[in-house]
N, C-alpha and C. Protein backbone atom coordinates (compact mmCIF):
# COMPACT_ATOMS: atom_id res chain seq x y z
N UNK A 1 102.31 114.69 114.45
CA UNK A 1 102.79 113.56 114.27
C UNK A 1 102.49 112.62 113.10
N UNK A 2 101.34 113.01 112.92
CA UNK A 2 101.14 112.44 111.53
C UNK A 2 101.71 112.34 110.40
N UNK A 3 102.42 113.28 110.08
CA UNK A 3 103.14 113.53 109.12
C UNK A 3 104.30 113.12 109.05
N UNK A 4 105.20 112.87 110.58
CA UNK A 4 105.82 112.14 110.83
C UNK A 4 105.61 110.71 110.49
N UNK A 5 104.68 110.41 111.17
CA UNK A 5 104.52 108.67 110.77
C UNK A 5 104.58 108.60 109.14
N UNK A 6 103.81 109.27 108.05
CA UNK A 6 103.86 109.37 107.10
C UNK A 6 104.69 109.43 106.66
N UNK A 7 105.59 110.75 106.68
CA UNK A 7 106.91 110.80 105.95
C UNK A 7 107.99 109.54 106.13
N UNK A 8 108.11 108.71 107.33
CA UNK A 8 108.89 107.74 107.82
C UNK A 8 108.28 106.44 107.17
N UNK A 9 106.86 106.41 107.21
CA UNK A 9 106.67 105.35 106.26
C UNK A 9 107.02 104.90 104.89
N UNK A 10 106.56 106.22 104.35
CA UNK A 10 106.92 106.51 102.75
C UNK A 10 108.00 106.29 102.18
N UNK A 11 109.49 106.76 103.53
CA UNK A 11 110.57 106.99 103.23
C UNK A 11 110.94 105.46 103.29
N UNK A 12 110.06 104.99 103.98
CA UNK A 12 110.99 103.43 104.17
C UNK A 12 110.32 102.37 102.94
N UNK A 13 109.14 102.60 102.16
CA UNK A 13 108.50 102.09 101.03
C UNK A 13 109.72 102.78 100.26
N UNK A 14 110.15 103.84 99.98
CA UNK A 14 110.78 104.35 99.23
C UNK A 14 112.60 103.28 99.12
N UNK A 15 112.53 103.22 100.33
CA UNK A 15 114.10 102.70 100.41
C UNK A 15 113.82 101.31 99.80
N UNK A 16 112.94 100.56 99.88
CA UNK A 16 112.43 98.94 99.73
C UNK A 16 112.69 98.76 98.06
N UNK A 17 112.15 99.98 97.70
CA UNK A 17 111.86 100.25 95.96
C UNK A 17 110.14 99.55 95.85
N UNK A 18 109.10 100.05 96.37
CA UNK A 18 108.31 99.32 96.51
C UNK A 18 107.38 100.76 96.51
N UNK A 19 107.47 101.82 96.10
CA UNK A 19 106.48 102.55 95.22
C UNK A 19 106.23 103.48 96.93
N UNK A 20 107.12 104.35 97.76
CA UNK A 20 107.08 104.92 98.43
C UNK A 20 105.98 106.28 97.96
N UNK A 21 106.06 106.60 96.93
CA UNK A 21 105.65 107.98 96.55
C UNK A 21 103.86 107.66 96.31
N UNK A 22 103.82 106.22 95.83
CA UNK A 22 102.28 106.14 95.41
C UNK A 22 101.67 105.79 97.13
N UNK A 23 102.46 105.56 98.04
CA UNK A 23 101.87 105.74 99.67
C UNK A 23 102.04 106.79 99.84
N UNK A 24 102.60 108.02 99.63
CA UNK A 24 103.00 109.11 100.21
C UNK A 24 101.19 109.81 99.62
N UNK A 25 101.00 109.47 98.23
CA UNK A 25 100.10 110.60 97.92
C UNK A 25 98.99 110.11 98.60
N UNK A 26 98.99 108.71 98.33
CA UNK A 26 97.95 107.89 99.16
C UNK A 26 97.13 108.88 100.19
N UNK A 27 98.49 108.51 101.28
CA UNK A 27 98.50 109.18 102.65
C UNK A 27 97.86 110.62 103.04
N UNK A 28 98.89 111.13 101.95
CA UNK A 28 98.85 112.76 101.95
C UNK A 28 96.87 113.05 101.60
N UNK A 29 96.73 112.62 100.52
CA UNK A 29 95.04 112.67 100.24
C UNK A 29 94.28 112.20 101.16
N UNK A 30 94.40 110.74 101.83
CA UNK A 30 93.71 110.37 102.48
C UNK A 30 93.62 111.09 104.19
N UNK A 31 94.48 111.49 104.79
CA UNK A 31 94.69 111.29 106.21
C UNK A 31 94.86 113.29 106.48
N UNK A 32 95.52 113.56 105.07
CA UNK A 32 95.52 115.04 105.33
C UNK A 32 94.86 116.11 104.84
N UNK A 33 94.27 115.27 103.87
CA UNK A 33 93.21 116.05 102.96
C UNK A 33 94.23 117.27 102.10
N UNK A 34 94.66 116.87 101.56
CA UNK A 34 95.57 117.45 100.26
C UNK A 34 94.60 116.75 98.87
N UNK A 35 94.64 118.23 98.32
CA UNK A 35 93.86 118.34 97.27
C UNK A 35 94.88 117.03 96.45
N UNK A 36 94.34 116.31 95.17
CA UNK A 36 95.01 115.38 94.42
C UNK A 36 96.49 116.09 93.43
N UNK A 37 96.46 117.20 93.46
CA UNK A 37 97.59 117.85 92.51
C UNK A 37 98.73 118.56 93.67
N UNK A 38 98.27 118.61 94.63
CA UNK A 38 99.29 119.21 95.65
C UNK A 38 100.20 117.81 96.15
N UNK A 39 98.98 117.09 96.59
CA UNK A 39 99.82 116.03 96.88
C UNK A 39 101.12 114.95 96.24
N UNK A 40 100.36 115.39 94.81
CA UNK A 40 101.23 115.21 93.93
C UNK A 40 102.68 115.74 93.61
N UNK A 41 102.54 117.15 93.45
CA UNK A 41 103.26 117.66 93.73
C UNK A 41 104.56 117.37 95.08
N UNK A 42 103.71 117.61 96.03
CA UNK A 42 104.39 116.80 97.46
C UNK A 42 105.45 115.94 97.61
N UNK A 43 104.77 115.14 96.50
CA UNK A 43 105.22 113.49 96.74
C UNK A 43 106.89 113.83 95.84
N UNK A 44 106.92 114.73 94.46
CA UNK A 44 107.96 115.31 93.53
C UNK A 44 108.74 115.77 94.47
N UNK A 45 109.06 116.43 95.54
CA UNK A 45 109.87 117.10 96.45
C UNK A 45 110.36 115.92 97.25
N UNK A 46 108.94 115.27 98.14
CA UNK A 46 109.77 114.37 99.01
C UNK A 46 110.71 113.23 98.15
N UNK A 47 110.33 113.02 96.88
CA UNK A 47 110.89 111.83 96.43
C UNK A 47 112.80 112.14 96.16
N UNK A 48 113.01 113.77 95.76
CA UNK A 48 114.14 113.64 95.38
C UNK A 48 115.32 113.43 96.34
N UNK A 49 114.86 113.66 97.68
CA UNK A 49 116.01 113.26 98.88
C UNK A 49 116.00 111.77 99.34
N UNK A 50 114.88 111.36 99.36
CA UNK A 50 114.25 109.89 99.54
C UNK A 50 115.15 109.28 98.67
N UNK A 51 114.84 109.49 96.84
CA UNK A 51 115.84 108.83 96.04
C UNK A 51 117.19 108.47 96.17
N UNK A 52 117.69 110.08 96.59
CA UNK A 52 119.10 110.35 96.54
C UNK A 52 119.83 109.45 97.09
N UNK A 53 119.14 108.89 98.39
CA UNK A 53 120.02 108.35 99.20
C UNK A 53 120.05 107.05 99.04
N UNK A 54 118.54 106.17 98.60
CA UNK A 54 118.48 104.95 98.14
C UNK A 54 119.50 104.80 96.92
N UNK A 55 119.67 105.73 95.50
CA UNK A 55 120.75 105.50 95.04
C UNK A 55 122.06 105.57 95.26
N UNK A 56 122.49 106.54 96.49
CA UNK A 56 123.93 106.43 96.91
C UNK A 56 124.37 104.99 97.47
N UNK A 57 123.65 104.62 98.49
CA UNK A 57 123.17 103.38 99.24
C UNK A 57 123.26 101.85 97.84
N UNK A 58 122.79 102.00 96.97
CA UNK A 58 122.68 100.69 95.88
C UNK A 58 123.49 101.18 95.52
N UNK A 59 124.24 102.20 94.88
CA UNK A 59 125.47 102.11 94.16
C UNK A 59 126.90 101.84 95.06
N UNK A 60 126.81 101.83 96.15
CA UNK A 60 127.46 101.56 97.04
C UNK A 60 127.52 100.23 97.13
N UNK A 61 126.25 99.03 97.04
CA UNK A 61 126.28 97.94 97.10
C UNK A 61 126.11 97.35 95.68
N UNK A 62 126.40 97.75 94.91
CA UNK A 62 126.33 97.91 93.04
C UNK A 62 125.58 96.93 92.77
N UNK A 63 124.05 97.62 93.18
CA UNK A 63 122.69 97.11 93.04
C UNK A 63 122.42 98.20 91.55
N UNK A 64 122.89 98.73 91.15
CA UNK A 64 122.12 99.61 89.82
C UNK A 64 123.45 99.04 88.37
N UNK A 65 122.43 98.99 87.57
CA UNK A 65 122.62 98.78 85.99
C UNK A 65 123.06 100.60 85.32
N UNK A 66 124.16 100.88 85.42
CA UNK A 66 124.41 102.44 85.26
C UNK A 66 123.87 102.74 83.72
N UNK A 67 124.39 101.74 82.74
CA UNK A 67 124.13 101.89 81.48
C UNK A 67 122.62 101.94 81.11
N UNK A 68 121.66 100.96 81.83
CA UNK A 68 120.14 100.97 81.96
C UNK A 68 119.68 102.11 82.14
N UNK A 69 120.06 102.35 83.85
CA UNK A 69 119.65 103.37 84.61
C UNK A 69 119.65 104.80 83.35
N UNK A 70 120.40 105.19 82.99
CA UNK A 70 121.13 106.63 82.30
C UNK A 70 119.90 106.56 81.25
N UNK A 71 119.49 105.47 80.21
CA UNK A 71 118.57 105.18 79.32
C UNK A 71 117.25 105.67 80.07
N UNK A 72 116.80 104.52 81.22
CA UNK A 72 115.96 104.74 82.20
C UNK A 72 115.39 106.55 82.59
N UNK A 73 116.39 106.98 82.93
CA UNK A 73 116.44 108.17 83.75
C UNK A 73 115.86 109.24 82.44
N UNK A 74 116.48 109.46 81.06
CA UNK A 74 116.55 110.38 79.85
C UNK A 74 115.12 110.16 79.29
N UNK A 75 114.44 108.73 79.48
CA UNK A 75 112.77 108.88 78.91
C UNK A 75 112.13 108.87 80.31
N UNK A 76 112.54 108.81 81.84
CA UNK A 76 111.78 109.29 82.63
C UNK A 76 111.80 110.33 82.41
N UNK A 77 112.27 111.36 82.02
CA UNK A 77 112.12 113.05 82.47
C UNK A 77 111.41 113.62 80.86
N UNK A 78 111.79 112.89 80.22
CA UNK A 78 110.91 113.02 79.30
C UNK A 78 109.20 113.01 79.34
N UNK A 79 109.00 111.17 80.10
CA UNK A 79 107.68 111.60 80.63
C UNK A 79 107.36 112.11 81.77
N UNK A 80 108.11 112.81 82.61
CA UNK A 80 107.69 113.22 83.68
C UNK A 80 107.15 115.24 83.21
N UNK A 81 107.83 115.57 82.20
CA UNK A 81 107.32 116.50 81.61
C UNK A 81 105.84 116.54 81.31
N UNK A 82 106.41 115.24 80.34
CA UNK A 82 104.84 114.95 79.48
C UNK A 82 103.51 115.20 81.10
N UNK A 83 103.53 114.42 81.82
CA UNK A 83 102.44 113.57 82.95
C UNK A 83 102.19 115.07 83.30
N UNK A 84 103.21 116.05 84.17
CA UNK A 84 103.47 117.32 84.62
C UNK A 84 102.11 118.28 83.89
N UNK A 85 102.58 118.12 82.40
CA UNK A 85 101.74 119.08 81.44
C UNK A 85 100.26 118.45 81.52
N UNK A 86 99.93 117.35 81.39
CA UNK A 86 99.29 116.49 81.45
C UNK A 86 98.41 116.80 82.80
N UNK A 87 98.95 116.63 84.06
CA UNK A 87 98.14 116.70 85.21
C UNK A 87 98.07 117.76 85.47
N UNK A 88 98.46 119.25 85.41
CA UNK A 88 98.43 120.65 85.44
C UNK A 88 97.34 120.76 84.56
N UNK A 89 96.78 120.42 83.65
CA UNK A 89 95.58 120.73 83.01
C UNK A 89 93.96 119.89 82.94
N UNK A 90 94.53 118.91 84.20
CA UNK A 90 93.42 117.59 84.21
C UNK A 90 92.51 118.22 85.41
N UNK A 91 91.31 117.89 85.14
CA UNK A 91 90.13 117.88 86.63
C UNK A 91 90.95 117.23 87.98
N UNK A 92 90.90 118.19 88.46
CA UNK A 92 91.48 117.43 90.06
C UNK A 92 90.44 116.19 90.59
N UNK A 93 89.54 115.49 90.04
CA UNK A 93 88.43 114.68 90.61
C UNK A 93 89.12 113.68 89.30
N UNK A 94 89.21 113.81 88.18
CA UNK A 94 89.47 112.88 87.14
C UNK A 94 90.92 112.50 87.85
N UNK A 95 92.12 113.14 87.88
CA UNK A 95 93.42 112.45 88.41
C UNK A 95 93.25 111.67 89.29
N UNK A 96 92.12 112.31 90.63
CA UNK A 96 92.39 111.32 91.56
C UNK A 96 91.61 109.68 91.14
N UNK A 97 90.91 109.88 90.30
CA UNK A 97 90.37 108.56 89.79
C UNK A 97 91.28 108.10 89.20
N UNK A 98 91.76 108.29 88.70
CA UNK A 98 92.82 107.85 87.59
C UNK A 98 93.73 107.43 88.89
N UNK A 99 93.84 107.62 89.72
CA UNK A 99 95.13 107.68 90.36
C UNK A 99 94.92 106.17 91.40
N UNK A 100 93.35 106.22 91.72
CA UNK A 100 92.83 105.07 92.64
C UNK A 100 92.94 103.61 91.71
N UNK A 101 92.44 104.34 90.07
CA UNK A 101 92.56 102.64 89.36
C UNK A 101 93.94 102.44 89.15
N UNK A 102 94.80 103.34 89.00
CA UNK A 102 96.46 102.93 88.95
C UNK A 102 96.88 101.88 90.17
N UNK A 103 96.65 102.52 91.55
CA UNK A 103 96.68 101.55 92.89
C UNK A 103 95.83 100.24 92.59
N UNK A 104 94.43 100.38 92.04
CA UNK A 104 93.76 99.08 92.20
C UNK A 104 94.17 98.07 90.96
N UNK A 105 94.94 98.58 89.76
CA UNK A 105 95.83 97.96 88.62
C UNK A 105 96.92 97.27 89.73
N UNK A 106 97.92 98.30 90.39
CA UNK A 106 99.03 97.60 90.69
C UNK A 106 98.64 96.37 91.87
N UNK A 107 97.64 96.66 92.74
CA UNK A 107 97.37 95.29 93.88
C UNK A 107 96.70 94.55 92.73
N UNK A 108 96.07 94.33 91.75
CA UNK A 108 95.58 93.21 91.00
C UNK A 108 97.17 92.54 90.11
N UNK A 109 97.75 93.21 90.08
CA UNK A 109 98.94 92.57 89.55
C UNK A 109 99.62 91.95 90.21
N UNK A 110 100.23 92.63 91.59
CA UNK A 110 101.46 91.82 92.69
C UNK A 110 100.44 90.90 93.36
N UNK A 111 99.05 90.95 93.30
CA UNK A 111 98.20 89.89 93.86
C UNK A 111 98.57 88.81 92.90
N UNK A 112 98.47 88.87 91.93
CA UNK A 112 98.65 87.70 90.86
C UNK A 112 100.23 87.39 91.10
N UNK A 113 100.93 88.37 90.95
CA UNK A 113 102.48 87.70 91.55
C UNK A 113 102.78 87.07 92.57
N UNK A 114 102.00 87.25 93.37
CA UNK A 114 102.65 86.81 94.28
C UNK A 114 101.40 85.20 94.30
N UNK A 115 100.58 85.12 93.74
CA UNK A 115 99.79 83.56 93.33
C UNK A 115 101.14 83.25 92.92
N UNK A 116 101.61 83.35 91.53
CA UNK A 116 102.25 82.49 90.66
C UNK A 116 103.80 82.25 91.49
N UNK A 117 104.29 83.30 92.02
CA UNK A 117 105.27 82.92 93.08
C UNK A 117 105.35 82.17 94.00
N UNK A 118 104.13 82.15 94.66
CA UNK A 118 104.15 81.38 96.43
C UNK A 118 102.90 80.16 96.08
N UNK A 119 101.49 80.78 95.81
CA UNK A 119 100.62 79.55 95.75
C UNK A 119 100.84 78.55 94.74
N UNK A 120 101.39 78.78 93.33
CA UNK A 120 101.45 77.76 92.53
C UNK A 120 102.62 77.05 92.94
N UNK A 121 103.79 77.63 93.14
CA UNK A 121 104.95 77.33 93.26
C UNK A 121 104.87 75.96 94.63
N UNK A 122 103.87 76.90 95.34
CA UNK A 122 103.74 75.63 96.47
C UNK A 122 103.16 74.47 96.40
N UNK A 123 102.03 74.77 95.17
CA UNK A 123 101.24 73.64 94.82
C UNK A 123 102.66 72.40 94.40
N UNK A 124 102.57 73.02 93.12
CA UNK A 124 104.21 72.49 92.20
C UNK A 124 105.26 71.37 93.15
N UNK A 125 105.21 72.14 94.71
CA UNK A 125 106.67 71.67 95.17
C UNK A 125 105.89 70.51 96.03
N UNK A 126 104.99 70.77 96.56
CA UNK A 126 103.89 69.62 97.12
C UNK A 126 103.74 68.47 96.33
N UNK A 127 103.49 68.76 95.63
CA UNK A 127 103.35 67.23 94.18
C UNK A 127 104.48 66.45 94.31
N UNK A 128 105.73 67.47 93.86
CA UNK A 128 106.88 66.55 93.49
C UNK A 128 107.57 66.17 94.72
N UNK A 129 107.47 66.95 95.83
CA UNK A 129 107.60 66.19 97.66
C UNK A 129 106.67 64.65 97.33
N UNK A 130 105.65 65.18 96.91
CA UNK A 130 104.92 63.57 96.93
C UNK A 130 105.12 62.29 96.12
N UNK A 131 105.64 62.52 95.16
CA UNK A 131 106.13 61.68 94.46
C UNK A 131 107.29 60.81 94.43
N UNK A 132 107.81 61.64 95.29
CA UNK A 132 109.48 61.12 96.11
C UNK A 132 109.11 59.99 97.17
N UNK A 133 108.12 59.89 97.58
CA UNK A 133 107.67 58.80 98.87
C UNK A 133 106.92 57.64 98.27
N UNK A 134 107.61 56.92 98.92
CA UNK A 134 107.22 55.06 98.91
C UNK A 134 106.53 54.52 99.65
N UNK A 135 105.32 53.88 99.14
CA UNK A 135 104.52 53.44 100.10
C UNK A 135 104.55 52.16 100.56
N UNK A 136 104.29 51.95 101.62
CA UNK A 136 104.82 50.86 102.28
C UNK A 136 103.55 49.70 102.11
């Protein structure tokens, strides 16, 4: 049952474009005890059909810039080949630590983005709202 829940959760994250692969790797290693190399390889296999569905739906809704996508795909494949070769020859514990560091950096970046988008703008909006008030 946990595999089904992990798959659904990772699929939803993939469909939303928020990194279903990262969620899947984390869940496979934490909850199912997969070695890091196995979790990452499983993620690749999971990613193909999940990404295909997302691509088709986003193409239908005209949310994809084809010209930019082709450039990104080409260099993404080149990076995948390089990354796979590096990962294959890397110690599993080091790979796990690097993946954890990657997740921490994403968390910091997203937290900062949240701060800028919501907190800072809310403060700015509150100040501009108060300027328009007339004292009696």
